[in-house]
Structures are given as C-alpha cells and as structure tokens.
Amino acid sequence: NDYKDKIIFVGSPEEHKLFVDIVGEVDYY
C-alpha cells in the first residue's frame, strides 16, 4: 500500500495472481 504506485511485478501470470491474492494489487509487467 505504501509503494503500489512505484512497484511492478515480474514473473509468470500465475505468480502475479497469487501475489495479488495474498499481498495486494500491483501492476504486472
């Protein structure tokens, strides 16, 4: 929440979904 506008996630789409489900929404590249 403190840095969501400065974060991008790299990895597989499945890893991104898991991350978002656990930690919160971040942009995916």
Full PDB file with SEQRES, HELIX, SHEET, SSBOND, CRYST1, ORIGX, SCALE, CONECT and MASTER records, all heavy atoms in Angstrom:
SEQRES   1 A   29  ASN ASP TYR LYS ASP LYS ILE ILE PHE VAL GLY SER PRO          
SEQRES   2 A   29  GLU GLU HIS LYS LEU PHE VAL ASP ILE VAL GLY GLU VAL          
SEQRES   3 A   29  ASP TYR TYR                                                  
HELIX    1 AA1 LYS A    4  LYS A    6  5                                   3    
HELIX    2 AA2 PRO A   13  ILE A   22  1                                  10    
SHEET    1 AA1 2 ILE A   8  PHE A   9  0                                        
SHEET    2 AA1 2 ASP A  27  TYR A  28  1                                        
CRYST1    1.000    1.000    1.000  90.00  90.00  90.00 P 1           1          
ORIGX1      1.000000  0.000000  0.000000        0.00000                         
ORIGX2      0.000000  1.000000  0.000000        0.00000                         
ORIGX3      0.000000  0.000000  1.000000        0.00000                         
SCALE1      1.000000  0.000000  0.000000        0.00000                         
SCALE2      0.000000  1.000000  0.000000        0.00000                         
SCALE3      0.000000  0.000000  1.000000        0.00000                         
ATOM      1  N   ASN A   1       0.817  -1.215   0.000  1.00  0.00           N  
ATOM      2  CA  ASN A   1       0.000   0.000   0.000  1.00  0.00           C  
ATOM      3  C   ASN A   1       0.847   1.259   0.000  1.00  0.00           C  
ATOM      4  O   ASN A   1       0.469   2.259  -0.606  1.00  0.00           O  
ATOM      5  CB  ASN A   1      -0.951   0.006   1.198  1.00  0.00           C  
ATOM      6  CG  ASN A   1      -2.055  -1.007   1.051  1.00  0.00           C  
ATOM      7  OD1 ASN A   1      -2.439  -1.368  -0.056  1.00  0.00           O  
ATOM      8  ND2 ASN A   1      -2.562  -1.490   2.168  1.00  0.00           N  
ATOM      9  N   ASP A   2       1.995   1.234   0.667  1.00  0.00           N  
ATOM     10  CA  ASP A   2       2.863   2.410   0.728  1.00  0.00           C  
ATOM     11  C   ASP A   2       3.555   2.712  -0.595  1.00  0.00           C  
ATOM     12  O   ASP A   2       3.898   3.859  -0.862  1.00  0.00           O  
ATOM     13  CB  ASP A   2       3.939   2.231   1.804  1.00  0.00           C  
ATOM     14  CG  ASP A   2       3.372   2.272   3.206  1.00  0.00           C  
ATOM     15  OD1 ASP A   2       2.209   2.704   3.381  1.00  0.00           O  
ATOM     16  OD2 ASP A   2       4.095   1.871   4.145  1.00  0.00           O  
ATOM     17  N   TYR A   3       3.787   1.691  -1.418  1.00  0.00           N  
ATOM     18  CA  TYR A   3       4.603   1.867  -2.621  1.00  0.00           C  
ATOM     19  C   TYR A   3       3.932   1.384  -3.903  1.00  0.00           C  
ATOM     20  O   TYR A   3       4.587   1.306  -4.935  1.00  0.00           O  
ATOM     21  CB  TYR A   3       5.941   1.126  -2.436  1.00  0.00           C  
ATOM     22  CG  TYR A   3       6.701   1.604  -1.242  1.00  0.00           C  
ATOM     23  CD1 TYR A   3       6.696   0.880  -0.060  1.00  0.00           C  
ATOM     24  CD2 TYR A   3       7.406   2.797  -1.280  1.00  0.00           C  
ATOM     25  CE1 TYR A   3       7.390   1.329   1.059  1.00  0.00           C  
ATOM     26  CE2 TYR A   3       8.103   3.251  -0.181  1.00  0.00           C  
ATOM     27  CZ  TYR A   3       8.088   2.514   0.984  1.00  0.00           C  
ATOM     28  OH  TYR A   3       8.768   2.968   2.081  1.00  0.00           O  
ATOM     29  N   LYS A   4       2.638   1.085  -3.865  1.00  0.00           N  
ATOM     30  CA  LYS A   4       1.980   0.437  -5.013  1.00  0.00           C  
ATOM     31  C   LYS A   4       2.122   1.220  -6.318  1.00  0.00           C  
ATOM     32  O   LYS A   4       2.150   0.621  -7.382  1.00  0.00           O  
ATOM     33  CB  LYS A   4       0.524   0.120  -4.728  1.00  0.00           C  
ATOM     34  CG  LYS A   4      -0.376   1.325  -4.645  1.00  0.00           C  
ATOM     35  CD  LYS A   4      -1.863   1.071  -4.450  1.00  0.00           C  
ATOM     36  CE  LYS A   4      -2.287  -0.317  -4.272  1.00  0.00           C  
ATOM     37  NZ  LYS A   4      -3.697  -0.496  -4.023  1.00  0.00           N  
ATOM     38  N   ASP A   5       2.280   2.536  -6.256  1.00  0.00           N  
ATOM     39  CA  ASP A   5       2.440   3.319  -7.483  1.00  0.00           C  
ATOM     40  C   ASP A   5       3.873   3.269  -8.017  1.00  0.00           C  
ATOM     41  O   ASP A   5       4.157   3.799  -9.083  1.00  0.00           O  
ATOM     42  CB  ASP A   5       2.006   4.772  -7.255  1.00  0.00           C  
ATOM     43  CG  ASP A   5       2.819   5.479  -6.188  1.00  0.00           C  
ATOM     44  OD1 ASP A   5       3.261   4.817  -5.220  1.00  0.00           O  
ATOM     45  OD2 ASP A   5       3.021   6.698  -6.313  1.00  0.00           O  
ATOM     46  N   LYS A   6       4.776   2.608  -7.299  1.00  0.00           N  
ATOM     47  CA  LYS A   6       6.182   2.518  -7.714  1.00  0.00           C  
ATOM     48  C   LYS A   6       6.620   1.080  -7.973  1.00  0.00           C  
ATOM     49  O   LYS A   6       7.786   0.827  -8.228  1.00  0.00           O  
ATOM     50  CB  LYS A   6       7.082   3.110  -6.623  1.00  0.00           C  
ATOM     51  CG  LYS A   6       6.836   4.571  -6.377  1.00  0.00           C  
ATOM     52  CD  LYS A   6       7.723   5.085  -5.268  1.00  0.00           C  
ATOM     53  CE  LYS A   6       7.438   6.553  -5.030  1.00  0.00           C  
ATOM     54  NZ  LYS A   6       8.314   7.118  -4.012  1.00  0.00           N  
ATOM     55  N   ILE A   7       5.683   0.139  -7.885  1.00  0.00           N  
ATOM     56  CA  ILE A   7       6.012  -1.288  -7.975  1.00  0.00           C  
ATOM     57  C   ILE A   7       5.509  -1.881  -9.285  1.00  0.00           C  
ATOM     58  O   ILE A   7       4.409  -1.569  -9.729  1.00  0.00           O  
ATOM     59  CB  ILE A   7       5.336  -2.066  -6.820  1.00  0.00           C  
ATOM     60  CG1 ILE A   7       5.846  -1.602  -5.471  1.00  0.00           C  
ATOM     61  CG2 ILE A   7       5.533  -3.561  -6.976  1.00  0.00           C  
ATOM     62  CD1 ILE A   7       5.071  -2.198  -4.298  1.00  0.00           C  
ATOM     63  N   ILE A   8       6.333  -2.748  -9.863  1.00  0.00           N  
ATOM     64  CA  ILE A   8       5.833  -3.636 -10.916  1.00  0.00           C  
ATOM     65  C   ILE A   8       6.256  -5.051 -10.562  1.00  0.00           C  
ATOM     66  O   ILE A   8       7.285  -5.265  -9.924  1.00  0.00           O  
ATOM     67  CB  ILE A   8       6.311  -3.263 -12.339  1.00  0.00           C  
ATOM     68  CG1 ILE A   8       7.814  -3.325 -12.467  1.00  0.00           C  
ATOM     69  CG2 ILE A   8       5.770  -1.926 -12.769  1.00  0.00           C  
ATOM     70  CD1 ILE A   8       8.291  -3.255 -13.895  1.00  0.00           C  
ATOM     71  N   PHE A   9       5.447  -5.982 -10.952  1.00  0.00           N  
ATOM     72  CA  PHE A   9       5.697  -7.392 -10.673  1.00  0.00           C  
ATOM     73  C   PHE A   9       6.186  -8.055 -11.937  1.00  0.00           C  
ATOM     74  O   PHE A   9       5.604  -7.878 -13.010  1.00  0.00           O  
ATOM     75  CB  PHE A   9       4.409  -8.071 -10.186  1.00  0.00           C  
ATOM     76  CG  PHE A   9       4.609  -9.484  -9.729  1.00  0.00           C  
ATOM     77  CD1 PHE A   9       4.808  -9.762  -8.393  1.00  0.00           C  
ATOM     78  CD2 PHE A   9       4.610 -10.533 -10.639  1.00  0.00           C  
ATOM     79  CE1 PHE A   9       5.001 -11.066  -7.957  1.00  0.00           C  
ATOM     80  CE2 PHE A   9       4.804 -11.837 -10.223  1.00  0.00           C  
ATOM     81  CZ  PHE A   9       5.000 -12.110  -8.874  1.00  0.00           C  
ATOM     82  N   VAL A  10       7.260  -8.822 -11.833  1.00  0.00           N  
ATOM     83  CA  VAL A  10       7.721  -9.662 -12.945  1.00  0.00           C  
ATOM     84  C   VAL A  10       7.623 -11.115 -12.489  1.00  0.00           C  
ATOM     85  O   VAL A  10       7.774 -11.417 -11.319  1.00  0.00           O  
ATOM     86  CB  VAL A  10       9.166  -9.323 -13.385  1.00  0.00           C  
ATOM     87  CG1 VAL A  10       9.240  -7.925 -13.957  1.00  0.00           C  
ATOM     88  CG2 VAL A  10      10.160  -9.490 -12.255  1.00  0.00           C  
ATOM     89  N   GLY A  11       7.357 -11.980 -13.403  1.00  0.00           N  
ATOM     90  CA  GLY A  11       7.154 -13.393 -13.104  1.00  0.00           C  
ATOM     91  C   GLY A  11       6.045 -13.908 -13.997  1.00  0.00           C  
ATOM     92  O   GLY A  11       5.606 -13.223 -14.926  1.00  0.00           O  
ATOM     93  N   SER A  12       5.593 -15.078 -13.695  1.00  0.00           N  
ATOM     94  CA  SER A  12       4.528 -15.662 -14.520  1.00  0.00           C  
ATOM     95  C   SER A  12       3.182 -15.055 -14.136  1.00  0.00           C  
ATOM     96  O   SER A  12       3.018 -14.517 -13.031  1.00  0.00           O  
ATOM     97  CB  SER A  12       4.487 -17.181 -14.318  1.00  0.00           C  
ATOM     98  OG  SER A  12       3.976 -17.479 -13.025  1.00  0.00           O  
ATOM     99  N   PRO A  13       2.202 -15.151 -15.028  1.00  0.00           N  
ATOM    100  CA  PRO A  13       0.860 -14.668 -14.679  1.00  0.00           C  
ATOM    101  C   PRO A  13       0.298 -15.361 -13.429  1.00  0.00           C  
ATOM    102  O   PRO A  13      -0.369 -14.729 -12.610  1.00  0.00           O  
ATOM    103  CB  PRO A  13       0.017 -15.000 -15.916  1.00  0.00           C  
ATOM    104  CG  PRO A  13       0.994 -15.058 -17.036  1.00  0.00           C  
ATOM    105  CD  PRO A  13       2.265 -15.598 -16.431  1.00  0.00           C  
ATOM    106  N   GLU A  14       0.596 -16.638 -13.271  1.00  0.00           N  
ATOM    107  CA  GLU A  14       0.126 -17.379 -12.094  1.00  0.00           C  
ATOM    108  C   GLU A  14       0.770 -16.842 -10.812  1.00  0.00           C  
ATOM    109  O   GLU A  14       0.100 -16.704  -9.783  1.00  0.00           O  
ATOM    110  CB  GLU A  14       0.428 -18.877 -12.246  1.00  0.00           C  
ATOM    111  CG  GLU A  14      -0.308 -19.552 -13.380  1.00  0.00           C  
ATOM    112  CD  GLU A  14       0.347 -19.326 -14.758  1.00  0.00           C  
ATOM    113  OE1 GLU A  14       1.515 -18.906 -14.832  1.00  0.00           O  
ATOM    114  OE2 GLU A  14      -0.350 -19.565 -15.766  1.00  0.00           O  
ATOM    115  N   GLU A  15       2.069 -16.532 -10.878  1.00  0.00           N  
ATOM    116  CA  GLU A  15       2.753 -15.962  -9.713  1.00  0.00           C  
ATOM    117  C   GLU A  15       2.177 -14.590  -9.366  1.00  0.00           C  
ATOM    118  O   GLU A  15       1.994 -14.268  -8.194  1.00  0.00           O  
ATOM    119  CB  GLU A  15       4.250 -15.835  -9.974  1.00  0.00           C  
ATOM    120  CG  GLU A  15       4.983 -17.149 -10.035  1.00  0.00           C  
ATOM    121  CD  GLU A  15       6.402 -17.006 -10.543  1.00  0.00           C  
ATOM    122  OE1 GLU A  15       6.662 -16.157 -11.432  1.00  0.00           O  
ATOM    123  OE2 GLU A  15       7.269 -17.754 -10.047  1.00  0.00           O  
ATOM    124  N   HIS A  16       1.896 -13.802 -10.391  1.00  0.00           N  
ATOM    125  CA  HIS A  16       1.320 -12.478 -10.154  1.00  0.00           C  
ATOM    126  C   HIS A  16      -0.043 -12.595  -9.480  1.00  0.00           C  
ATOM    127  O   HIS A  16      -0.325 -11.894  -8.505  1.00  0.00           O  
ATOM    128  CB  HIS A  16       1.205 -11.690 -11.468  1.00  0.00           C  
ATOM    129  CG  HIS A  16       0.566 -10.355 -11.280  1.00  0.00           C  
ATOM    130  ND1 HIS A  16      -0.688 -10.054 -11.779  1.00  0.00           N  
ATOM    131  CD2 HIS A  16       0.992  -9.248 -10.633  1.00  0.00           C  
ATOM    132  CE1 HIS A  16      -0.997  -8.819 -11.446  1.00  0.00           C  
ATOM    133  NE2 HIS A  16      -0.006  -8.295 -10.748  1.00  0.00           N  
ATOM    134  N   LYS A  17      -0.892 -13.481  -9.975  1.00  0.00           N  
ATOM    135  CA  LYS A  17      -2.216 -13.671  -9.371  1.00  0.00           C  
ATOM    136  C   LYS A  17      -2.089 -14.095  -7.911  1.00  0.00           C  
ATOM    137  O   LYS A  17      -2.780 -13.559  -7.037  1.00  0.00           O  
ATOM    138  CB  LYS A  17      -3.031 -14.696 -10.151  1.00  0.00           C  
ATOM    139  CG  LYS A  17      -4.436 -14.867  -9.566  1.00  0.00           C  
ATOM    140  CD  LYS A  17      -5.221 -15.931 -10.269  1.00  0.00           C  
ATOM    141  CE  LYS A  17      -6.606 -16.126  -9.733  1.00  0.00           C  
ATOM    142  NZ  LYS A  17      -6.833 -15.926  -8.329  1.00  0.00           N  
ATOM    143  N   LEU A  18      -1.210 -15.024  -7.630  1.00  0.00           N  
ATOM    144  CA  LEU A  18      -1.003 -15.481  -6.257  1.00  0.00           C  
ATOM    145  C   LEU A  18      -0.522 -14.334  -5.372  1.00  0.00           C  
ATOM    146  O   LEU A  18      -1.005 -14.135  -4.259  1.00  0.00           O  
ATOM    147  CB  LEU A  18      -0.004 -16.641  -6.231  1.00  0.00           C  
ATOM    148  CG  LEU A  18       0.285 -17.268  -4.882  1.00  0.00           C  
ATOM    149  CD1 LEU A  18      -0.972 -17.868  -4.272  1.00  0.00           C  
ATOM    150  CD2 LEU A  18       1.366 -18.332  -5.029  1.00  0.00           C  
ATOM    151  N   PHE A  19       0.423 -13.540  -5.883  1.00  0.00           N  
ATOM    152  CA  PHE A  19       0.933 -12.390  -5.148  1.00  0.00           C  
ATOM    153  C   PHE A  19      -0.195 -11.406  -4.827  1.00  0.00           C  
ATOM    154  O   PHE A  19      -0.349 -10.973  -3.691  1.00  0.00           O  
ATOM    155  CB  PHE A  19       2.042 -11.699  -5.950  1.00  0.00           C  
ATOM    156  CG  PHE A  19       2.670 -10.529  -5.243  1.00  0.00           C  
ATOM    157  CD1 PHE A  19       3.752 -10.717  -4.408  1.00  0.00           C  
ATOM    158  CD2 PHE A  19       2.187  -9.245  -5.426  1.00  0.00           C  
ATOM    159  CE1 PHE A  19       4.338  -9.647  -3.746  1.00  0.00           C  
ATOM    160  CE2 PHE A  19       2.755  -8.161  -4.780  1.00  0.00           C  
ATOM    161  CZ  PHE A  19       3.840  -8.365  -3.934  1.00  0.00           C  
ATOM    162  N   VAL A  20      -0.969 -11.073  -5.835  1.00  0.00           N  
ATOM    163  CA  VAL A  20      -2.071 -10.122  -5.657  1.00  0.00           C  
ATOM    164  C   VAL A  20      -3.094 -10.660  -4.651  1.00  0.00           C  
ATOM    165  O   VAL A  20      -3.582  -9.911  -3.801  1.00  0.00           O  
ATOM    166  CB  VAL A  20      -2.733  -9.796  -7.013  1.00  0.00           C  
ATOM    167  CG1 VAL A  20      -4.060  -9.077  -6.841  1.00  0.00           C  
ATOM    168  CG2 VAL A  20      -1.781  -8.977  -7.870  1.00  0.00           C  
ATOM    169  N   ASP A  21      -3.400 -11.942  -4.745  1.00  0.00           N  
ATOM    170  CA  ASP A  21      -4.367 -12.541  -3.822  1.00  0.00           C  
ATOM    171  C   ASP A  21      -3.883 -12.475  -2.375  1.00  0.00           C  
ATOM    172  O   ASP A  21      -4.673 -12.288  -1.457  1.00  0.00           O  
ATOM    173  CB  ASP A  21      -4.648 -13.996  -4.190  1.00  0.00           C  
ATOM    174  CG  ASP A  21      -5.457 -14.139  -5.471  1.00  0.00           C  
ATOM    175  OD1 ASP A  21      -6.011 -13.128  -5.958  1.00  0.00           O  
ATOM    176  OD2 ASP A  21      -5.518 -15.274  -5.994  1.00  0.00           O  
ATOM    177  N   ILE A  22      -2.581 -12.594  -2.162  1.00  0.00           N  
ATOM    178  CA  ILE A  22      -2.029 -12.628  -0.808  1.00  0.00           C  
ATOM    179  C   ILE A  22      -1.648 -11.231  -0.309  1.00  0.00           C  
ATOM    180  O   ILE A  22      -1.947 -10.861   0.822  1.00  0.00           O  
ATOM    181  CB  ILE A  22      -0.802 -13.559  -0.743  1.00  0.00           C  
ATOM    182  CG1 ILE A  22      -1.235 -15.005  -1.002  1.00  0.00           C  
ATOM    183  CG2 ILE A  22      -0.087 -13.443   0.604  1.00  0.00           C  
ATOM    184  CD1 ILE A  22      -0.075 -15.973  -1.187  1.00  0.00           C  
ATOM    185  N   VAL A  23      -0.993 -10.455  -1.163  1.00  0.00           N  
ATOM    186  CA  VAL A  23      -0.375  -9.205  -0.717  1.00  0.00           C  
ATOM    187  C   VAL A  23      -1.175  -7.970  -1.114  1.00  0.00           C  
ATOM    188  O   VAL A  23      -1.254  -7.009  -0.361  1.00  0.00           O  
ATOM    189  CB  VAL A  23       1.076  -9.111  -1.253  1.00  0.00           C  
ATOM    190  CG1 VAL A  23       1.733  -7.835  -0.812  1.00  0.00           C  
ATOM    191  CG2 VAL A  23       1.883 -10.316  -0.806  1.00  0.00           C  
ATOM    192  N   GLY A  24      -1.719  -7.958  -2.307  1.00  0.00           N  
ATOM    193  CA  GLY A  24      -2.463  -6.795  -2.786  1.00  0.00           C  
ATOM    194  C   GLY A  24      -2.109  -6.473  -4.223  1.00  0.00           C  
ATOM    195  O   GLY A  24      -1.136  -6.977  -4.778  1.00  0.00           O  
ATOM    196  N   GLU A  25      -2.900  -5.625  -4.813  1.00  0.00           N  
ATOM    197  CA  GLU A  25      -2.792  -5.293  -6.238  1.00  0.00           C  
ATOM    198  C   GLU A  25      -1.531  -4.488  -6.544  1.00  0.00           C  
ATOM    199  O   GLU A  25      -1.241  -3.497  -5.888  1.00  0.00           O  
ATOM    200  CB  GLU A  25      -4.020  -4.509  -6.681  1.00  0.00           C  
ATOM    201  CG  GLU A  25      -4.096  -4.256  -8.169  1.00  0.00           C  
ATOM    202  CD  GLU A  25      -4.233  -5.530  -8.987  1.00  0.00           C  
ATOM    203  OE1 GLU A  25      -5.014  -6.416  -8.609  1.00  0.00           O  
ATOM    204  OE2 GLU A  25      -3.557  -5.631 -10.019  1.00  0.00           O  
ATOM    205  N   VAL A  26      -0.790  -4.951  -7.538  1.00  0.00           N  
ATOM    206  CA  VAL A  26       0.341  -4.216  -8.106  1.00  0.00           C  
ATOM    207  C   VAL A  26       0.322  -4.426  -9.611  1.00  0.00           C  
ATOM    208  O   VAL A  26      -0.218  -5.421 -10.103  1.00  0.00           O  
ATOM    209  CB  VAL A  26       1.715  -4.659  -7.537  1.00  0.00           C  
ATOM    210  CG1 VAL A  26       1.812  -4.380  -6.055  1.00  0.00           C  
ATOM    211  CG2 VAL A  26       2.004  -6.114  -7.824  1.00  0.00           C  
ATOM    212  N   ASP A  27       0.904  -3.487 -10.342  1.00  0.00           N  
ATOM    213  CA  ASP A  27       0.983  -3.620 -11.791  1.00  0.00           C  
ATOM    214  C   ASP A  27       1.848  -4.826 -12.162  1.00  0.00           C  
ATOM    215  O   ASP A  27       2.793  -5.172 -11.450  1.00  0.00           O  
ATOM    216  CB  ASP A  27       1.575  -2.362 -12.421  1.00  0.00           C  
ATOM    217  CG  ASP A  27       0.623  -1.181 -12.376  1.00  0.00           C  
ATOM    218  OD1 ASP A  27      -0.601  -1.400 -12.272  1.00  0.00           O  
ATOM    219  OD2 ASP A  27       1.109  -0.048 -12.457  1.00  0.00           O  
ATOM    220  N   TYR A  28       1.516  -5.418 -13.279  1.00  0.00           N  
ATOM    221  CA  TYR A  28       2.236  -6.599 -13.770  1.00  0.00           C  
ATOM    222  C   TYR A  28       2.885  -6.269 -15.099  1.00  0.00           C  
ATOM    223  O   TYR A  28       2.264  -5.663 -15.976  1.00  0.00           O  
ATOM    224  CB  TYR A  28       1.253  -7.758 -13.927  1.00  0.00           C  
ATOM    225  CG  TYR A  28       1.846  -8.999 -14.543  1.00  0.00           C  
ATOM    226  CD1 TYR A  28       2.936  -9.631 -13.966  1.00  0.00           C  
ATOM    227  CD2 TYR A  28       1.316  -9.548 -15.701  1.00  0.00           C  
ATOM    228  CE1 TYR A  28       3.480 -10.779 -14.522  1.00  0.00           C  
ATOM    229  CE2 TYR A  28       1.838 -10.700 -16.266  1.00  0.00           C  
ATOM    230  CZ  TYR A  28       2.924 -11.315 -15.671  1.00  0.00           C  
ATOM    231  OH  TYR A  28       3.466 -12.442 -16.226  1.00  0.00           O  
ATOM    232  N   TYR A  29       4.144  -6.656 -15.245  1.00  0.00           N  
ATOM    233  CA  TYR A  29       4.860  -6.470 -16.498  1.00  0.00           C  
ATOM    234  C   TYR A  29       5.318  -7.840 -16.975  1.00  0.00           C  
ATOM    235  O   TYR A  29       6.274  -8.408 -16.431  1.00  0.00           O  
ATOM    236  CB  TYR A  29       6.068  -5.548 -16.308  1.00  0.00           C  
ATOM    237  CG  TYR A  29       6.695  -5.132 -17.610  1.00  0.00           C  
ATOM    238  CD1 TYR A  29       6.278  -3.975 -18.254  1.00  0.00           C  
ATOM    239  CD2 TYR A  29       7.682  -5.902 -18.211  1.00  0.00           C  
ATOM    240  CE1 TYR A  29       6.836  -3.596 -19.456  1.00  0.00           C  
ATOM    241  CE2 TYR A  29       8.247  -5.533 -19.416  1.00  0.00           C  
ATOM    242  CZ  TYR A  29       7.822  -4.376 -20.029  1.00  0.00           C  
ATOM    243  OH  TYR A  29       8.375  -4.004 -21.229  1.00  0.00           O  
TER     244      TYR A  29                                                      
MASTER        0    0    0    2    2    0    0    6  243    1    0    3          
END                                                                             
